[in-house]
Amino acid sequence: MAWVKTVYVPHSRTDPESNKWWDHAVSRTAFNCREETERGEGLTIYYSDGTNNTVAPESYPDPWQPVPPDSILHSVMKFVCAWKPK
């Protein structure tokens, strides 16, 4: 499992429901390292006006999804799966 922060270029992405500009988002993603799959477990979107929106964990689907090869998420998965706690 990893927390990932994504920072957006100003005024490059809006929320389709609120029409607010995204500033950054923090997501929690679980990885099945052996099968190279992932599932979202949490998301908070922070808007440029200082407000935020948290997506409820129960709104996430249970099934694991394949991690796309050569993607940023694939790089995060490889880093997390190679981690050796001390």
Protein backbone atom coordinates (compact mmCIF):
# COMPACT_ATOMS: atom_id res chain seq x y z
CA MET A 1 0.00 0.00 0.00
CA ALA A 2 1.24 3.50 -0.79
CA TRP A 3 0.08 7.07 -0.53
CA VAL A 4 0.70 9.00 -3.76
CA LYS A 5 0.47 12.78 -4.17
CA THR A 6 -0.18 14.13 -7.66
CA VAL A 7 0.35 17.85 -8.29
CA TYR A 8 -1.36 19.39 -11.30
CA VAL A 9 -0.26 22.23 -13.55
CA PRO A 10 -2.40 25.24 -12.54
CA HIS A 11 -5.70 25.43 -14.40
CA SER A 12 -5.14 22.16 -16.25
CA ARG A 13 -7.86 19.98 -14.69
CA THR A 14 -11.33 20.75 -13.38
CA ASP A 15 -13.82 18.71 -11.41
CA PRO A 16 -16.73 17.94 -13.76
CA GLU A 17 -19.31 18.28 -10.96
CA SER A 18 -18.11 21.42 -9.19
CA ASN A 19 -16.15 23.14 -11.99
CA LYS A 20 -13.33 23.79 -9.49
CA TRP A 21 -9.69 23.66 -10.54
CA TRP A 22 -7.67 20.77 -9.11
CA ASP A 23 -4.48 21.78 -7.27
CA HIS A 24 -3.35 18.34 -6.12
CA ALA A 25 -4.71 14.95 -5.10
CA VAL A 26 -3.60 12.39 -2.53
CA SER A 27 -4.55 8.78 -3.17
CA ARG A 28 -4.04 5.52 -1.32
CA THR A 29 -3.38 2.54 -3.57
CA ALA A 30 -2.97 -1.11 -2.59
CA PHE A 31 -0.74 -3.36 -4.69
CA ASN A 32 -0.69 -7.11 -5.21
CA CYS A 33 2.99 -7.36 -6.10
CA ARG A 34 2.93 -10.97 -7.26
CA GLU A 35 0.07 -10.41 -9.72
CA GLU A 36 1.03 -6.79 -10.60
CA THR A 37 -2.46 -5.51 -9.84
CA GLU A 38 -3.78 -2.53 -7.86
CA ARG A 39 -6.91 -1.08 -6.36
CA GLY A 40 -7.72 2.37 -5.09
CA GLU A 41 -8.56 2.64 -1.41
CA GLY A 42 -8.77 6.37 -0.85
CA LEU A 43 -8.69 9.73 -2.62
CA THR A 44 -8.76 13.34 -1.51
CA ILE A 45 -8.82 16.08 -4.14
CA TYR A 46 -7.56 19.53 -3.13
CA TYR A 47 -8.85 22.46 -5.17
CA SER A 48 -7.09 25.72 -5.96
CA ASP A 49 -9.66 27.65 -3.88
CA GLY A 50 -8.48 25.82 -0.71
CA THR A 51 -11.41 23.41 -0.44
CA ASN A 52 -11.20 19.64 -0.81
CA ASN A 53 -13.32 16.58 -1.56
CA THR A 54 -12.74 13.13 -0.09
CA VAL A 55 -14.08 10.16 -2.03
CA ALA A 56 -15.65 7.64 0.34
CA PRO A 57 -13.74 4.32 0.55
CA GLU A 58 -16.95 2.33 0.02
CA SER A 59 -17.31 3.88 -3.45
CA TYR A 60 -14.21 2.03 -4.68
CA PRO A 61 -14.66 -1.27 -6.50
CA ASP A 62 -13.31 -4.40 -4.79
CA PRO A 63 -11.75 -6.06 -7.87
CA TRP A 64 -8.04 -5.67 -8.48
CA GLN A 65 -7.03 -4.07 -11.77
CA PRO A 66 -3.86 -4.77 -13.80
CA VAL A 67 -1.21 -2.06 -13.47
CA PRO A 68 -0.52 -0.62 -16.94
CA PRO A 69 3.06 -1.34 -18.03
CA ASP A 70 5.40 1.63 -18.53
CA SER A 71 3.13 3.90 -16.49
CA ILE A 72 3.84 6.08 -13.47
CA LEU A 73 1.71 3.73 -11.40
CA HIS A 74 3.87 0.81 -12.59
CA SER A 75 6.97 2.65 -11.36
CA VAL A 76 5.32 3.29 -7.99
CA MET A 77 4.34 -0.38 -7.74
CA LYS A 78 7.89 -1.54 -8.50
CA PHE A 79 9.28 0.81 -5.84
CA VAL A 80 6.72 -0.30 -3.20
CA CYS A 81 7.12 -3.99 -4.00
CA ALA A 82 10.92 -3.79 -3.77
CA TRP A 83 10.79 -2.06 -0.36
CA LYS A 84 12.53 -4.00 2.40
CA PRO A 85 11.58 -2.75 5.89
CA LYS A 86 14.46 -2.47 8.37
